[in-house]
Amino acid sequence: MPIPVVLRESVDRELLAYCQWRMPWSMPGKEILAHQWQGEEIILQRQHPKPNSPDEWVGISIAKFRYQESRGDWSLDWCDKDQAWHQFDVLIGAGTITRLVVALERDPTGVFWGKSPSLG
């Protein structure tokens, strides 16, 4: 059964707002963050123009949100350098897109945005 239209539209709005907040689209030709539906999953990608072909954009997968119809919630996966997906086991069955976006942004393990340098 497909994701209900109302839920899909709500998720689209939330992820669009997050992408624009995280990487504002105010600098044309630079890097952006975008989301794309693939069936019941959403892929979050960092996109930028190809160095030798600025009209062509390429993407690096950052995260995947998967809708779990049987539970009525969402899960979050991260993508390794070989483009293989792994469940973000810090939050299993987190429920809402909002909660997963917060976990993605905090990135306590560094799998989405990289590790921050130690402040100690």
Protein backbone atom coordinates (compact mmCIF):
# COMPACT_ATOMS: atom_id res chain seq x y z
CA MET A 1 0.00 0.00 0.00
CA PRO A 2 1.45 3.40 -0.93
CA ILE A 3 2.20 6.11 1.60
CA PRO A 4 -0.90 8.25 2.15
CA VAL A 5 -0.81 11.44 0.07
CA VAL A 6 -1.20 13.70 3.11
CA LEU A 7 1.77 12.04 4.84
CA ARG A 8 3.87 12.17 1.68
CA GLU A 9 3.17 15.89 1.21
CA SER A 10 3.97 16.62 4.86
CA VAL A 11 7.27 14.73 4.63
CA ASP A 12 8.14 16.57 1.39
CA ARG A 13 7.59 19.95 3.07
CA GLU A 14 9.66 19.00 6.10
CA LEU A 15 12.58 17.62 4.10
CA LEU A 16 12.54 20.55 1.66
CA ALA A 17 12.74 22.96 4.59
CA TYR A 18 15.60 20.98 6.14
CA CYS A 19 17.53 20.83 2.86
CA GLN A 20 17.18 24.57 2.30
CA TRP A 21 18.18 25.31 5.89
CA ARG A 22 21.20 22.95 5.82
CA MET A 23 22.52 24.11 2.42
CA PRO A 24 20.76 27.26 1.21
CA TRP A 25 20.06 27.34 -2.51
CA SER A 26 20.98 31.03 -2.63
CA MET A 27 24.33 30.32 -4.30
CA PRO A 28 23.56 28.99 -7.81
CA GLY A 29 26.08 26.54 -9.19
CA LYS A 30 27.27 25.47 -5.76
CA GLU A 31 26.45 22.44 -3.67
CA ILE A 32 22.85 21.77 -2.61
CA LEU A 33 21.07 19.20 -0.49
CA ALA A 34 18.03 17.58 -2.09
CA HIS A 35 15.67 14.69 -1.48
CA GLN A 36 14.13 12.30 -3.98
CA TRP A 37 11.43 9.66 -3.57
CA GLN A 38 12.21 6.12 -4.73
CA GLY A 39 9.03 4.18 -4.09
CA GLU A 40 8.43 4.22 -0.32
CA GLU A 41 11.95 5.47 0.40
CA ILE A 42 13.50 8.92 0.28
CA ILE A 43 17.14 9.45 -0.63
CA LEU A 44 18.87 12.57 0.68
CA GLN A 45 21.75 13.65 -1.56
CA ARG A 46 24.42 16.30 -1.58
CA GLN A 47 24.46 17.50 -5.19
CA HIS A 48 26.94 19.62 -7.10
CA PRO A 49 27.83 20.41 -10.72
CA LYS A 50 30.41 18.21 -12.44
CA PRO A 51 33.77 20.04 -12.48
CA ASN A 52 34.19 19.86 -16.27
CA SER A 53 30.49 20.01 -17.14
CA PRO A 54 28.69 22.57 -14.93
CA ASP A 55 25.32 21.87 -16.56
CA GLU A 56 25.40 18.27 -15.29
CA TRP A 57 24.85 17.61 -11.60
CA VAL A 58 26.05 14.60 -9.63
CA GLY A 59 24.90 13.42 -6.24
CA ILE A 60 26.44 11.80 -3.21
CA SER A 61 23.94 9.85 -1.12
CA ILE A 62 23.87 10.92 2.54
CA ALA A 63 20.80 9.27 4.07
CA LYS A 64 17.76 7.15 3.27
CA PHE A 65 14.42 7.39 5.05
CA ARG A 66 12.36 4.19 4.80
CA TYR A 67 8.66 4.03 5.56
CA GLN A 68 7.70 0.94 7.57
CA GLU A 69 4.05 0.45 6.65
CA SER A 70 3.53 -2.42 9.10
CA ARG A 71 4.59 -0.16 12.00
CA GLY A 72 3.45 3.15 10.53
CA ASP A 73 6.82 4.78 11.19
CA TRP A 74 10.12 5.62 9.54
CA SER A 75 13.69 4.38 9.83
CA LEU A 76 16.97 5.99 8.83
CA ASP A 77 19.90 4.50 6.92
CA TRP A 78 23.36 5.85 6.14
CA CYS A 79 25.43 5.28 3.02
CA ASP A 80 29.07 4.19 3.07
CA LYS A 81 31.78 5.09 0.55
CA ASP A 82 30.86 2.05 -1.56
CA GLN A 83 27.23 3.20 -1.82
CA ALA A 84 26.02 0.39 0.48
CA TRP A 85 23.22 1.23 2.91
CA HIS A 86 23.29 0.48 6.66
CA GLN A 87 20.63 1.01 9.30
CA PHE A 88 21.38 3.90 11.64
CA ASP A 89 21.09 1.78 14.75
CA VAL A 90 21.36 4.68 17.18
CA LEU A 91 17.65 5.22 16.47
CA ILE A 92 15.82 2.09 15.40
CA GLY A 93 12.16 2.65 14.55
CA ALA A 94 12.32 6.29 15.52
CA GLY A 95 8.84 7.00 14.23
CA THR A 96 8.59 10.46 12.78
CA ILE A 97 10.56 12.20 10.06
CA THR A 98 11.09 15.10 12.48
CA ARG A 99 12.85 12.89 15.01
CA LEU A 100 15.00 11.31 12.29
CA VAL A 101 15.97 14.69 10.83
CA VAL A 102 17.08 15.81 14.30
CA ALA A 103 19.21 12.64 14.62
CA LEU A 104 20.61 13.19 11.12
CA GLU A 105 21.59 16.75 11.95
CA ARG A 106 23.13 15.85 15.33
CA ASP A 107 24.96 12.91 13.72
CA PRO A 108 26.48 11.55 16.96
CA THR A 109 28.48 8.87 15.12
CA GLY A 110 29.71 10.99 12.20
CA VAL A 111 28.25 8.69 9.53
CA PHE A 112 26.24 11.41 7.78
CA TRP A 113 28.30 14.61 7.96
CA GLY A 114 31.67 13.35 9.25
CA LYS A 115 33.17 13.58 12.68
CA SER A 116 33.68 16.97 14.26
CA PRO A 117 37.13 17.75 15.59
CA SER A 118 37.52 17.14 19.32
CA LEU A 119 37.10 20.21 21.48
CA GLY A 120 39.19 18.70 24.26
